[in-house]
């Protein structure tokens, strides 16, 4: 599947949604420096229902299972802060863009979004929290430092607000050629990468599209994913499975992707050697700012300072409990920090680079 035209049209459509002139239903008419409507000070305390949505960066059934009790925990925390929440519905979107569009339309109240997706839809939604993660003992920008059992990715105890995206070469015949060249300290050429079969994620995925595009642009005079000859769009699980089946030569993912699929690599997908030896890093992106928790601007009962503060405090408090750690651990989130829109100016710059 060639995504040259598709990626451009999706980005254009998303930008039109994110930068549209539709008015927020928030009662406040004041705007910030970017022309975004500011939240009102207060809103109602009795809310019949809320809709939370997660993005499918992990298998949907695993996300639904992990988050099944989040609604009850959230309602209890909000009650302590004077809010009566009737019902919390939790769903998983079909794509990153679908979650951003739902926030923009007000059909979802809160969504867990990658930074790049938030940046596209930030005219109709507002970030309230940034996820923290455990960092890694390895933070090298040299791709060969990530390869082999000796360099297996290990977590550190230090929480960080960023992660790296990695470009991986699989165990296909051509993938092995690319990995051998990198592990020998040789520089890849554009021709090397253009001959490969690539799998990427949605066009607003930070580690699955935007930052790998920036890496390519930095290495090859502005050329990006849309300029590659053989590219298909898959979810992360399918990327890894197709790499194991030697159907795809190069995949892109977050830095701890191999941790997530280490067991499947051998037990389910039949590989004889470890994922650390067979799926080699050939490129390391710039640091990616962590995932967001974002609220819609379309509902005044949600988009007001009082609710958003209570929401922030509730999620942070839940994330510190043992049950909360299990819930948010599905995304490798170790906790949350209060965030502001300006934190994601870098993500906006990254999106502009992708559009070139």
C-alpha atoms as a PDB file:
ATOM      1  CA  UNK A   1       0.000   0.000   0.000  1.00  0.00           C
ATOM      2  CA  UNK A   2       1.437   3.385  -1.005  1.00  0.00           C
ATOM      3  CA  UNK A   3       0.636   6.025   1.589  1.00  0.00           C
ATOM      4  CA  UNK A   4       2.055   9.081  -0.142  1.00  0.00           C
ATOM      5  CA  UNK A   5      -1.353  10.521  -1.024  1.00  0.00           C
ATOM      6  CA  UNK A   6      -3.135   9.041   1.970  1.00  0.00           C
ATOM      7  CA  UNK A   7      -0.753  10.506   4.552  1.00  0.00           C
ATOM      8  CA  UNK A   8      -1.042  13.980   3.054  1.00  0.00           C
ATOM      9  CA  UNK A   9      -4.834  13.848   2.933  1.00  0.00           C
ATOM     10  CA  UNK A  10      -5.103  12.555   6.505  1.00  0.00           C
ATOM     11  CA  UNK A  11      -2.816  15.275   7.794  1.00  0.00           C
ATOM     12  CA  UNK A  12      -4.745  17.909   5.866  1.00  0.00           C
ATOM     13  CA  UNK A  13      -8.077  16.643   7.166  1.00  0.00           C
ATOM     14  CA  UNK A  14      -6.771  16.486  10.719  1.00  0.00           C
ATOM     15  CA  UNK A  15      -5.372  19.993  10.509  1.00  0.00           C
ATOM     16  CA  UNK A  16      -8.680  21.280   9.191  1.00  0.00           C
ATOM     17  CA  UNK A  17     -10.428  19.738  12.162  1.00  0.00           C
ATOM     18  CA  UNK A  18      -7.789  20.916  14.613  1.00  0.00           C
ATOM     19  CA  UNK A  19      -7.623  24.441  13.235  1.00  0.00           C
ATOM     20  CA  UNK A  20     -11.260  24.888  12.338  1.00  0.00           C
ATOM     21  CA  UNK A  21     -13.246  27.939  13.232  1.00  0.00           C
ATOM     22  CA  UNK A  22     -15.991  26.084  15.068  1.00  0.00           C
ATOM     23  CA  UNK A  23     -16.833  27.819  18.341  1.00  0.00           C
ATOM     24  CA  UNK A  24     -16.366  26.092  21.654  1.00  0.00           C
ATOM     25  CA  UNK A  25     -19.453  25.802  23.788  1.00  0.00           C
ATOM     26  CA  UNK A  26     -17.441  26.980  26.817  1.00  0.00           C
ATOM     27  CA  UNK A  27     -19.053  30.077  28.284  1.00  0.00           C
ATOM     28  CA  UNK A  28     -15.784  31.995  28.493  1.00  0.00           C
ATOM     29  CA  UNK A  29     -15.036  34.097  25.392  1.00  0.00           C
ATOM     30  CA  UNK A  30     -11.487  35.072  26.341  1.00  0.00           C
ATOM     31  CA  UNK A  31      -8.728  33.607  24.169  1.00  0.00           C
ATOM     32  CA  UNK A  32      -5.049  32.789  24.631  1.00  0.00           C
ATOM     33  CA  UNK A  33      -2.153  33.952  22.441  1.00  0.00           C
ATOM     34  CA  UNK A  34      -2.898  31.158  19.937  1.00  0.00           C
ATOM     35  CA  UNK A  35      -6.556  32.139  19.605  1.00  0.00           C
ATOM     36  CA  UNK A  36      -7.853  29.223  21.703  1.00  0.00           C
ATOM     37  CA  UNK A  37     -10.888  29.849  23.904  1.00  0.00           C
ATOM     38  CA  UNK A  38      -9.867  29.870  27.569  1.00  0.00           C
ATOM     39  CA  UNK A  39     -11.780  27.776  30.107  1.00  0.00           C
ATOM     40  CA  UNK A  40     -14.416  29.293  32.356  1.00  0.00           C
ATOM     41  CA  UNK A  41     -13.658  29.417  36.087  1.00  0.00           C
ATOM     42  CA  UNK A  42     -16.401  27.051  37.256  1.00  0.00           C
ATOM     43  CA  UNK A  43     -19.041  24.626  35.997  1.00  0.00           C
ATOM     44  CA  UNK A  44     -21.725  22.344  37.366  1.00  0.00           C
ATOM     45  CA  UNK A  45     -20.870  19.695  39.949  1.00  0.00           C
ATOM     46  CA  UNK A  46     -23.474  17.089  38.949  1.00  0.00           C
ATOM     47  CA  UNK A  47     -22.490  15.377  35.704  1.00  0.00           C
ATOM     48  CA  UNK A  48     -24.647  12.560  34.342  1.00  0.00           C
ATOM     49  CA  UNK A  49     -21.934  10.830  32.359  1.00  0.00           C
ATOM     50  CA  UNK A  50     -18.392  11.101  31.062  1.00  0.00           C
ATOM     51  CA  UNK A  51     -16.744   9.336  28.135  1.00  0.00           C
ATOM     52  CA  UNK A  52     -13.087   8.353  28.401  1.00  0.00           C
ATOM     53  CA  UNK A  53     -11.234   7.079  25.355  1.00  0.00           C
ATOM     54  CA  UNK A  54      -7.850   5.402  24.939  1.00  0.00           C
ATOM     55  CA  UNK A  55      -5.860   4.983  21.734  1.00  0.00           C
ATOM     56  CA  UNK A  56      -4.925   1.545  20.318  1.00  0.00           C
ATOM     57  CA  UNK A  57      -1.175   1.584  20.886  1.00  0.00           C
ATOM     58  CA  UNK A  58      -1.728  -1.669  22.759  1.00  0.00           C
ATOM     59  CA  UNK A  59      -4.217  -4.443  21.861  1.00  0.00           C
ATOM     60  CA  UNK A  60      -7.787  -3.256  22.489  1.00  0.00           C
ATOM     61  CA  UNK A  61      -8.802  -6.197  24.665  1.00  0.00           C
ATOM     62  CA  UNK A  62      -5.812  -5.624  26.943  1.00  0.00           C
ATOM     63  CA  UNK A  63      -6.636  -1.938  27.328  1.00  0.00           C
ATOM     64  CA  UNK A  64     -10.298  -2.613  28.137  1.00  0.00           C
ATOM     65  CA  UNK A  65      -9.334  -5.223  30.723  1.00  0.00           C
ATOM     66  CA  UNK A  66      -6.689  -3.032  32.369  1.00  0.00           C
ATOM     67  CA  UNK A  67      -8.948   0.037  32.616  1.00  0.00           C
ATOM     68  CA  UNK A  68     -12.171  -1.745  33.627  1.00  0.00           C
ATOM     69  CA  UNK A  69     -12.220  -0.283  37.153  1.00  0.00           C
ATOM     70  CA  UNK A  70     -10.921   3.188  36.306  1.00  0.00           C
ATOM     71  CA  UNK A  71     -14.435   4.649  36.159  1.00  0.00           C
ATOM     72  CA  UNK A  72     -15.304   3.571  39.708  1.00  0.00           C
ATOM     73  CA  UNK A  73     -11.994   4.824  41.098  1.00  0.00           C
ATOM     74  CA  UNK A  74     -12.403   8.135  39.296  1.00  0.00           C
ATOM     75  CA  UNK A  75     -15.975   8.699  40.497  1.00  0.00           C
ATOM     76  CA  UNK A  76     -14.899   8.054  44.097  1.00  0.00           C
ATOM     77  CA  UNK A  77     -12.005  10.520  43.861  1.00  0.00           C
ATOM     78  CA  UNK A  78     -14.164  13.190  42.232  1.00  0.00           C
ATOM     79  CA  UNK A  79     -16.826  12.740  44.926  1.00  0.00           C
ATOM     80  CA  UNK A  80     -14.190  13.643  47.512  1.00  0.00           C
ATOM     81  CA  UNK A  81     -13.779  16.901  45.599  1.00  0.00           C
ATOM     82  CA  UNK A  82     -17.507  17.702  45.503  1.00  0.00           C
ATOM     83  CA  UNK A  83     -18.438  16.177  42.118  1.00  0.00           C
ATOM     84  CA  UNK A  84     -21.212  13.678  41.485  1.00  0.00           C
ATOM     85  CA  UNK A  85     -20.413  11.690  38.325  1.00  0.00           C
ATOM     86  CA  UNK A  86     -23.212   9.361  37.255  1.00  0.00           C
ATOM     87  CA  UNK A  87     -21.432   7.103  34.780  1.00  0.00           C
ATOM     88  CA  UNK A  88     -18.018   6.749  33.146  1.00  0.00           C
ATOM     89  CA  UNK A  89     -17.890   4.975  29.779  1.00  0.00           C
ATOM     90  CA  UNK A  90     -14.480   3.732  28.626  1.00  0.00           C
ATOM     91  CA  UNK A  91     -13.680   2.872  25.010  1.00  0.00           C
ATOM     92  CA  UNK A  92     -10.731   2.396  22.667  1.00  0.00           C
ATOM     93  CA  UNK A  93     -10.638   4.364  19.428  1.00  0.00           C
ATOM     94  CA  UNK A  94     -10.061   2.817  16.012  1.00  0.00           C
ATOM     95  CA  UNK A  95      -7.077   5.100  15.432  1.00  0.00           C
ATOM     96  CA  UNK A  96      -5.222   8.014  16.996  1.00  0.00           C
ATOM     97  CA  UNK A  97      -6.962  10.443  14.660  1.00  0.00           C
ATOM     98  CA  UNK A  98     -10.387   9.064  15.570  1.00  0.00           C
ATOM     99  CA  UNK A  99      -9.774   9.918  19.228  1.00  0.00           C
ATOM    100  CA  UNK A 100      -8.642  13.438  18.327  1.00  0.00           C
ATOM    101  CA  UNK A 101     -11.680  13.954  16.121  1.00  0.00           C
ATOM    102  CA  UNK A 102     -14.002  12.689  18.866  1.00  0.00           C
ATOM    103  CA  UNK A 103     -12.544  15.232  21.301  1.00  0.00           C
ATOM    104  CA  UNK A 104     -12.924  18.001  18.730  1.00  0.00           C
ATOM    105  CA  UNK A 105     -16.556  17.064  18.164  1.00  0.00           C
ATOM    106  CA  UNK A 106     -17.294  16.688  21.884  1.00  0.00           C
ATOM    107  CA  UNK A 107     -18.437  13.079  21.449  1.00  0.00           C
ATOM    108  CA  UNK A 108     -15.642  12.062  23.861  1.00  0.00           C
ATOM    109  CA  UNK A 109     -14.875  14.051  27.004  1.00  0.00           C
ATOM    110  CA  UNK A 110     -11.360  12.835  27.867  1.00  0.00           C
ATOM    111  CA  UNK A 111      -8.775  10.999  25.776  1.00  0.00           C
ATOM    112  CA  UNK A 112      -5.292   9.612  26.322  1.00  0.00           C
ATOM    113  CA  UNK A 113      -3.444  10.920  23.247  1.00  0.00           C
ATOM    114  CA  UNK A 114       0.129  10.875  21.912  1.00  0.00           C
ATOM    115  CA  UNK A 115       1.704  14.320  21.821  1.00  0.00           C
ATOM    116  CA  UNK A 116       1.582  14.548  18.034  1.00  0.00           C
ATOM    117  CA  UNK A 117      -2.108  13.731  17.923  1.00  0.00           C
ATOM    118  CA  UNK A 118      -2.845  16.312  20.607  1.00  0.00           C
ATOM    119  CA  UNK A 119      -0.922  18.973  18.669  1.00  0.00           C
ATOM    120  CA  UNK A 120      -3.165  18.437  15.630  1.00  0.00           C
ATOM    121  CA  UNK A 121      -6.410  18.712  17.585  1.00  0.00           C
ATOM    122  CA  UNK A 122      -5.425  21.282  20.201  1.00  0.00           C
ATOM    123  CA  UNK A 123      -7.722  24.014  18.901  1.00  0.00           C
ATOM    124  CA  UNK A 124     -10.740  22.094  20.197  1.00  0.00           C
ATOM    125  CA  UNK A 125      -9.149  20.223  23.112  1.00  0.00           C
ATOM    126  CA  UNK A 126      -6.800  21.044  25.966  1.00  0.00           C
ATOM    127  CA  UNK A 127      -4.028  18.998  27.582  1.00  0.00           C
ATOM    128  CA  UNK A 128      -4.314  18.635  31.365  1.00  0.00           C
ATOM    129  CA  UNK A 129      -1.747  15.940  32.174  1.00  0.00           C
ATOM    130  CA  UNK A 130       1.509  14.584  30.783  1.00  0.00           C
ATOM    131  CA  UNK A 131       2.436  10.974  31.467  1.00  0.00           C
ATOM    132  CA  UNK A 132       5.673  10.097  33.187  1.00  0.00           C
ATOM    133  CA  UNK A 133       7.479   6.840  32.411  1.00  0.00           C
ATOM    134  CA  UNK A 134      10.364   4.920  33.833  1.00  0.00           C
ATOM    135  CA  UNK A 135      13.418   5.787  31.793  1.00  0.00           C
ATOM    136  CA  UNK A 136      15.874   3.261  30.409  1.00  0.00           C
ATOM    137  CA  UNK A 137      19.404   2.488  31.479  1.00  0.00           C
ATOM    138  CA  UNK A 138      20.321   2.920  27.818  1.00  0.00           C
ATOM    139  CA  UNK A 139      19.621   6.368  26.360  1.00  0.00           C
ATOM    140  CA  UNK A 140      22.152   6.237  23.514  1.00  0.00           C
ATOM    141  CA  UNK A 141      21.653   7.966  20.179  1.00  0.00           C
ATOM    142  CA  UNK A 142      23.910   5.381  18.506  1.00  0.00           C
ATOM    143  CA  UNK A 143      21.643   2.645  17.070  1.00  0.00           C
ATOM    144  CA  UNK A 144      24.083  -0.260  17.449  1.00  0.00           C
ATOM    145  CA  UNK A 145      24.181   0.379  21.222  1.00  0.00           C
ATOM    146  CA  UNK A 146      20.597  -0.962  21.377  1.00  0.00           C
ATOM    147  CA  UNK A 147      21.260  -4.296  19.654  1.00  0.00           C
ATOM    148  CA  UNK A 148      21.809  -7.836  20.870  1.00  0.00           C
ATOM    149  CA  UNK A 149      21.043  -9.642  24.125  1.00  0.00           C
ATOM    150  CA  UNK A 150      23.888  -7.781  25.820  1.00  0.00           C
ATOM    151  CA  UNK A 151      22.079  -4.488  25.125  1.00  0.00           C
ATOM    152  CA  UNK A 152      18.584  -5.660  26.075  1.00  0.00           C
ATOM    153  CA  UNK A 153      16.437  -2.655  27.024  1.00  0.00           C
ATOM    154  CA  UNK A 154      16.214  -2.345  30.805  1.00  0.00           C
ATOM    155  CA  UNK A 155      14.120   0.083  32.824  1.00  0.00           C
ATOM    156  CA  UNK A 156      15.627   2.505  35.305  1.00  0.00           C
ATOM    157  CA  UNK A 157      13.912   3.812  38.430  1.00  0.00           C
ATOM    158  CA  UNK A 158      14.107   7.398  37.210  1.00  0.00           C
ATOM    159  CA  UNK A 159      10.797   8.812  35.895  1.00  0.00           C
ATOM    160  CA  UNK A 160      11.108  10.843  32.689  1.00  0.00           C
ATOM    161  CA  UNK A 161       8.758  12.926  30.564  1.00  0.00           C
ATOM    162  CA  UNK A 162      10.150  11.773  27.219  1.00  0.00           C
ATOM    163  CA  UNK A 163      10.996   8.646  25.257  1.00  0.00           C
ATOM    164  CA  UNK A 164      12.861   7.847  22.068  1.00  0.00           C
ATOM    165  CA  UNK A 165      11.443   6.429  18.876  1.00  0.00           C
ATOM    166  CA  UNK A 166      13.437   3.673  17.200  1.00  0.00           C
ATOM    167  CA  UNK A 167      13.691   2.451  13.606  1.00  0.00           C
ATOM    168  CA  UNK A 168      14.161  -1.335  13.547  1.00  0.00           C
ATOM    169  CA  UNK A 169      15.399  -3.715  10.846  1.00  0.00           C
ATOM    170  CA  UNK A 170      13.814  -7.170  11.028  1.00  0.00           C
ATOM    171  CA  UNK A 171      15.213 -10.661  10.333  1.00  0.00           C
ATOM    172  CA  UNK A 172      14.225 -10.715   6.653  1.00  0.00           C
ATOM    173  CA  UNK A 173      17.126 -11.148   4.248  1.00  0.00           C
ATOM    174  CA  UNK A 174      17.154  -7.444   3.403  1.00  0.00           C
ATOM    175  CA  UNK A 175      16.555  -6.373   7.014  1.00  0.00           C
ATOM    176  CA  UNK A 176      19.628  -8.351   8.060  1.00  0.00           C
ATOM    177  CA  UNK A 177      21.702  -6.531   5.438  1.00  0.00           C
ATOM    178  CA  UNK A 178      20.636  -3.162   6.843  1.00  0.00           C
ATOM    179  CA  UNK A 179      21.344  -4.251  10.426  1.00  0.00           C
ATOM    180  CA  UNK A 180      24.761  -5.647   9.513  1.00  0.00           C
ATOM    181  CA  UNK A 181      25.743  -2.366   7.932  1.00  0.00           C
ATOM    182  CA  UNK A 182      24.699  -0.340  10.998  1.00  0.00           C
ATOM    183  CA  UNK A 183      26.310  -2.759  13.460  1.00  0.00           C
ATOM    184  CA  UNK A 184      29.546  -2.473  11.483  1.00  0.00           C
ATOM    185  CA  UNK A 185      29.453   1.287  11.994  1.00  0.00           C
ATOM    186  CA  UNK A 186      28.602   2.077   8.358  1.00  0.00           C
ATOM    187  CA  UNK A 187      26.169   4.817   7.372  1.00  0.00           C
ATOM    188  CA  UNK A 188      22.950   3.889   5.600  1.00  0.00           C
ATOM    189  CA  UNK A 189      22.082   5.618   2.340  1.00  0.00           C
ATOM    190  CA  UNK A 190      18.681   6.713   1.124  1.00  0.00           C
ATOM    191  CA  UNK A 191      18.877   4.018  -1.536  1.00  0.00           C
ATOM    192  CA  UNK A 192      19.426   1.416   1.192  1.00  0.00           C
ATOM    193  CA  UNK A 193      16.244   2.440   2.995  1.00  0.00           C
ATOM    194  CA  UNK A 194      14.164   3.058  -0.105  1.00  0.00           C
ATOM    195  CA  UNK A 195      14.636  -0.566  -1.196  1.00  0.00           C
ATOM    196  CA  UNK A 196      13.189  -1.838   2.103  1.00  0.00           C
ATOM    197  CA  UNK A 197       9.570  -2.712   2.862  1.00  0.00           C
ATOM    198  CA  UNK A 198       8.456  -0.386   5.654  1.00  0.00           C
ATOM    199  CA  UNK A 199       5.569  -0.571   8.141  1.00  0.00           C
ATOM    200  CA  UNK A 200       4.521   2.591  10.010  1.00  0.00           C
ATOM    201  CA  UNK A 201       1.642   3.792  12.175  1.00  0.00           C
ATOM    202  CA  UNK A 202      -0.968   6.535  11.771  1.00  0.00           C
ATOM    203  CA  UNK A 203       0.328   9.860  10.489  1.00  0.00           C
ATOM    204  CA  UNK A 204      -0.164  11.572  13.875  1.00  0.00           C
ATOM    205  CA  UNK A 205       1.684   8.843  15.796  1.00  0.00           C
ATOM    206  CA  UNK A 206       4.791  10.329  17.391  1.00  0.00           C
ATOM    207  CA  UNK A 207       7.026   7.238  17.466  1.00  0.00           C
ATOM    208  CA  UNK A 208       5.191   5.508  14.630  1.00  0.00           C
ATOM    209  CA  UNK A 209       5.349   8.266  12.012  1.00  0.00           C
ATOM    210  CA  UNK A 210       6.233  11.861  12.959  1.00  0.00           C
ATOM    211  CA  UNK A 211       9.619  11.437  14.638  1.00  0.00           C
ATOM    212  CA  UNK A 212      10.834   8.727  12.244  1.00  0.00           C
ATOM    213  CA  UNK A 213       9.964  11.161   9.440  1.00  0.00           C
ATOM    214  CA  UNK A 214      12.048  13.842  11.158  1.00  0.00           C
ATOM    215  CA  UNK A 215      14.921  11.363  11.501  1.00  0.00           C
ATOM    216  CA  UNK A 216      14.785  10.627   7.787  1.00  0.00           C
ATOM    217  CA  UNK A 217      14.605  14.338   6.946  1.00  0.00           C
ATOM    218  CA  UNK A 218      17.671  15.070   9.068  1.00  0.00           C
ATOM    219  CA  UNK A 219      19.640  12.217   7.517  1.00  0.00           C
ATOM    220  CA  UNK A 220      18.562  12.575   3.890  1.00  0.00           C
ATOM    221  CA  UNK A 221      18.043  16.247   3.019  1.00  0.00           C
ATOM    222  CA  UNK A 222      14.350  16.546   3.739  1.00  0.00           C
ATOM    223  CA  UNK A 223      13.148  13.165   2.470  1.00  0.00           C
ATOM    224  CA  UNK A 224      10.557  11.514   4.724  1.00  0.00           C
ATOM    225  CA  UNK A 225       8.316   8.478   5.023  1.00  0.00           C
ATOM    226  CA  UNK A 226       6.029   9.754   2.271  1.00  0.00           C
ATOM    227  CA  UNK A 227       8.999   9.629  -0.131  1.00  0.00           C
ATOM    228  CA  UNK A 228       9.731   5.929   0.453  1.00  0.00           C
ATOM    229  CA  UNK A 229       8.711   3.487  -2.272  1.00  0.00           C
ATOM    230  CA  UNK A 230       7.262   0.622  -0.209  1.00  0.00           C
ATOM    231  CA  UNK A 231       5.270   1.615   2.888  1.00  0.00           C
ATOM    232  CA  UNK A 232       2.237   0.108   4.593  1.00  0.00           C
ATOM    233  CA  UNK A 233       0.308   1.240   7.683  1.00  0.00           C
ATOM    234  CA  UNK A 234      -0.125  -1.280  10.507  1.00  0.00           C
ATOM    235  CA  UNK A 235      -0.746  -1.255  14.251  1.00  0.00           C
ATOM    236  CA  UNK A 236       2.264  -1.990  16.427  1.00  0.00           C
ATOM    237  CA  UNK A 237       1.399  -5.646  17.092  1.00  0.00           C
ATOM    238  CA  UNK A 238       0.994  -6.268  13.368  1.00  0.00           C
ATOM    239  CA  UNK A 239       4.287  -4.479  12.646  1.00  0.00           C
ATOM    240  CA  UNK A 240       6.198  -6.807  14.944  1.00  0.00           C
ATOM    241  CA  UNK A 241       4.361  -9.902  13.735  1.00  0.00           C
ATOM    242  CA  UNK A 242       5.011  -9.044  10.093  1.00  0.00           C
ATOM    243  CA  UNK A 243       8.684  -8.407  10.885  1.00  0.00           C
ATOM    244  CA  UNK A 244       8.890 -11.823  12.579  1.00  0.00           C
ATOM    245  CA  UNK A 245       7.283 -13.396   9.485  1.00  0.00           C
ATOM    246  CA  UNK A 246       9.929 -11.643   7.336  1.00  0.00           C
ATOM    247  CA  UNK A 247       7.195  -9.889   5.359  1.00  0.00           C
ATOM    248  CA  UNK A 248       8.418  -6.431   6.405  1.00  0.00           C
ATOM    249  CA  UNK A 249      12.038  -5.244   6.472  1.00  0.00           C
ATOM    250  CA  UNK A 250      11.785  -2.087   8.606  1.00  0.00           C
ATOM    251  CA  UNK A 251       9.351  -1.065  11.348  1.00  0.00           C
ATOM    252  CA  UNK A 252       9.095   1.980  13.621  1.00  0.00           C
ATOM    253  CA  UNK A 253       8.046   2.026  17.281  1.00  0.00           C
ATOM    254  CA  UNK A 254       8.755   3.481  20.723  1.00  0.00           C
ATOM    255  CA  UNK A 255      12.000   2.476  22.437  1.00  0.00           C
ATOM    256  CA  UNK A 256      10.485  -0.218  24.658  1.00  0.00           C
ATOM    257  CA  UNK A 257       8.546  -1.889  21.859  1.00  0.00           C
ATOM    258  CA  UNK A 258      10.685  -5.013  21.949  1.00  0.00           C
ATOM    259  CA  UNK A 259       9.874  -5.432  25.636  1.00  0.00           C
ATOM    260  CA  UNK A 260       6.168  -5.552  24.784  1.00  0.00           C
ATOM    261  CA  UNK A 261       6.532  -8.284  22.171  1.00  0.00           C
ATOM    262  CA  UNK A 262       9.505 -10.249  23.522  1.00  0.00           C
ATOM    263  CA  UNK A 263       7.446 -13.325  24.458  1.00  0.00           C
ATOM    264  CA  UNK A 264       5.336 -13.400  21.294  1.00  0.00           C
ATOM    265  CA  UNK A 265       8.455 -13.172  19.141  1.00  0.00           C
ATOM    266  CA  UNK A 266       9.417 -16.758  19.957  1.00  0.00           C
ATOM    267  CA  UNK A 267       6.381 -18.425  21.552  1.00  0.00           C
ATOM    268  CA  UNK A 268       3.666 -17.200  19.149  1.00  0.00           C
ATOM    269  CA  UNK A 269       5.544 -16.119  16.047  1.00  0.00           C
ATOM    270  CA  UNK A 270       8.030 -18.985  15.902  1.00  0.00           C
ATOM    271  CA  UNK A 271      11.357 -17.195  15.913  1.00  0.00           C
ATOM    272  CA  UNK A 272      14.271 -19.293  17.194  1.00  0.00           C
ATOM    273  CA  UNK A 273      16.463 -16.444  18.366  1.00  0.00           C
ATOM    274  CA  UNK A 274      15.577 -13.563  20.732  1.00  0.00           C
ATOM    275  CA  UNK A 275      13.928 -10.349  19.604  1.00  0.00           C
ATOM    276  CA  UNK A 276      17.012  -8.464  20.828  1.00  0.00           C
ATOM    277  CA  UNK A 277      19.281 -10.344  18.432  1.00  0.00           C
ATOM    278  CA  UNK A 278      16.901 -10.442  15.476  1.00  0.00           C
ATOM    279  CA  UNK A 279      15.192  -7.029  15.541  1.00  0.00           C
ATOM    280  CA  UNK A 280      18.045  -4.551  15.293  1.00  0.00           C
ATOM    281  CA  UNK A 281      17.867  -0.793  15.752  1.00  0.00           C
ATOM    282  CA  UNK A 282      19.104   1.132  12.718  1.00  0.00           C
ATOM    283  CA  UNK A 283      17.972   4.628  13.738  1.00  0.00           C
ATOM    284  CA  UNK A 284      17.214   6.623  16.909  1.00  0.00           C
ATOM    285  CA  UNK A 285      14.885   9.630  16.827  1.00  0.00           C
ATOM    286  CA  UNK A 286      14.917  12.813  18.852  1.00  0.00           C
ATOM    287  CA  UNK A 287      13.291  12.658  22.276  1.00  0.00           C
ATOM    288  CA  UNK A 288       9.494  12.491  22.057  1.00  0.00           C
ATOM    289  CA  UNK A 289       7.445  14.310  24.696  1.00  0.00           C
ATOM    290  CA  UNK A 290       5.240  11.858  26.576  1.00  0.00           C
ATOM    291  CA  UNK A 291       1.568  11.051  26.026  1.00  0.00           C
ATOM    292  CA  UNK A 292      -1.149  13.432  27.131  1.00  0.00           C
ATOM    293  CA  UNK A 293      -4.440  13.270  28.949  1.00  0.00           C
ATOM    294  CA  UNK A 294      -6.641  15.745  27.106  1.00  0.00           C
ATOM    295  CA  UNK A 295     -10.144  17.150  27.611  1.00  0.00           C
ATOM    296  CA  UNK A 296     -12.633  18.473  25.078  1.00  0.00           C
ATOM    297  CA  UNK A 297     -13.349  22.190  24.852  1.00  0.00           C
ATOM    298  CA  UNK A 298     -16.860  21.525  23.588  1.00  0.00           C
ATOM    299  CA  UNK A 299     -18.573  20.991  26.942  1.00  0.00           C
ATOM    300  CA  UNK A 300     -18.622  23.729  29.604  1.00  0.00           C
ATOM    301  CA  UNK A 301     -19.136  21.171  32.395  1.00  0.00           C
ATOM    302  CA  UNK A 302     -15.736  19.687  31.397  1.00  0.00           C
ATOM    303  CA  UNK A 303     -13.861  22.683  30.086  1.00  0.00           C
ATOM    304  CA  UNK A 304     -13.623  24.817  33.209  1.00  0.00           C
ATOM    305  CA  UNK A 305     -10.741  25.405  35.610  1.00  0.00           C
ATOM    306  CA  UNK A 306     -12.484  23.916  38.623  1.00  0.00           C
ATOM    307  CA  UNK A 307     -13.300  20.605  36.923  1.00  0.00           C
ATOM    308  CA  UNK A 308      -9.916  20.315  35.243  1.00  0.00           C
ATOM    309  CA  UNK A 309      -8.083  20.863  38.545  1.00  0.00           C
ATOM    310  CA  UNK A 310     -10.238  18.228  40.264  1.00  0.00           C
ATOM    311  CA  UNK A 311      -9.664  15.893  37.301  1.00  0.00           C
ATOM    312  CA  UNK A 312      -5.887  16.381  37.397  1.00  0.00           C
ATOM    313  CA  UNK A 313      -5.698  15.750  41.132  1.00  0.00           C
ATOM    314  CA  UNK A 314      -7.946  12.672  40.888  1.00  0.00           C
ATOM    315  CA  UNK A 315      -5.942  10.977  38.124  1.00  0.00           C
ATOM    316  CA  UNK A 316      -2.625  11.780  39.823  1.00  0.00           C
ATOM    317  CA  UNK A 317      -3.917  10.339  43.096  1.00  0.00           C
ATOM    318  CA  UNK A 318      -5.215   7.195  41.378  1.00  0.00           C
ATOM    319  CA  UNK A 319      -1.909   6.708  39.548  1.00  0.00           C
ATOM    320  CA  UNK A 320      -0.073   6.532  42.876  1.00  0.00           C
ATOM    321  CA  UNK A 321      -2.165   3.594  44.160  1.00  0.00           C
ATOM    322  CA  UNK A 322      -1.329  -0.042  43.450  1.00  0.00           C
ATOM    323  CA  UNK A 323      -4.483  -0.453  41.371  1.00  0.00           C
ATOM    324  CA  UNK A 324      -3.770   2.760  39.505  1.00  0.00           C
ATOM    325  CA  UNK A 325      -0.261   1.578  38.665  1.00  0.00           C
ATOM    326  CA  UNK A 326      -1.740  -1.558  37.108  1.00  0.00           C
ATOM    327  CA  UNK A 327      -4.298   0.444  35.117  1.00  0.00           C
ATOM    328  CA  UNK A 328      -1.909   2.965  33.614  1.00  0.00           C
ATOM    329  CA  UNK A 329       0.876   0.420  33.330  1.00  0.00           C
ATOM    330  CA  UNK A 330      -0.832  -0.775  30.126  1.00  0.00           C
ATOM    331  CA  UNK A 331       0.785   2.297  28.502  1.00  0.00           C
ATOM    332  CA  UNK A 332       3.974   2.122  30.597  1.00  0.00           C
ATOM    333  CA  UNK A 333       2.850   5.300  32.376  1.00  0.00           C
ATOM    334  CA  UNK A 334       4.398   5.451  35.850  1.00  0.00           C
ATOM    335  CA  UNK A 335       2.418   8.542  36.837  1.00  0.00           C
ATOM    336  CA  UNK A 336       1.192  11.937  35.634  1.00  0.00           C
ATOM    337  CA  UNK A 337       2.294  15.554  35.920  1.00  0.00           C
ATOM    338  CA  UNK A 338       0.143  18.625  35.382  1.00  0.00           C
ATOM    339  CA  UNK A 339       0.645  19.984  31.871  1.00  0.00           C
ATOM    340  CA  UNK A 340      -0.015  23.055  29.761  1.00  0.00           C
ATOM    341  CA  UNK A 341      -0.564  23.525  26.049  1.00  0.00           C
ATOM    342  CA  UNK A 342       2.805  25.239  25.533  1.00  0.00           C
ATOM    343  CA  UNK A 343       4.554  21.997  26.563  1.00  0.00           C
ATOM    344  CA  UNK A 344       3.594  20.630  23.150  1.00  0.00           C
ATOM    345  CA  UNK A 345       4.920  23.455  20.986  1.00  0.00           C
ATOM    346  CA  UNK A 346       7.737  21.059  20.035  1.00  0.00           C
ATOM    347  CA  UNK A 347       5.180  18.540  18.810  1.00  0.00           C
ATOM    348  CA  UNK A 348       3.651  21.249  16.609  1.00  0.00           C
ATOM    349  CA  UNK A 349       7.057  21.978  15.136  1.00  0.00           C
ATOM    350  CA  UNK A 350       7.483  18.281  14.446  1.00  0.00           C
ATOM    351  CA  UNK A 351       4.167  18.194  12.594  1.00  0.00           C
ATOM    352  CA  UNK A 352       5.239  21.123  10.449  1.00  0.00           C
ATOM    353  CA  UNK A 353       8.375  19.197   9.545  1.00  0.00           C
ATOM    354  CA  UNK A 354       6.258  16.194   8.505  1.00  0.00           C
ATOM    355  CA  UNK A 355       4.170  18.399   6.233  1.00  0.00           C
ATOM    356  CA  UNK A 356       7.159  19.599   4.220  1.00  0.00           C
END
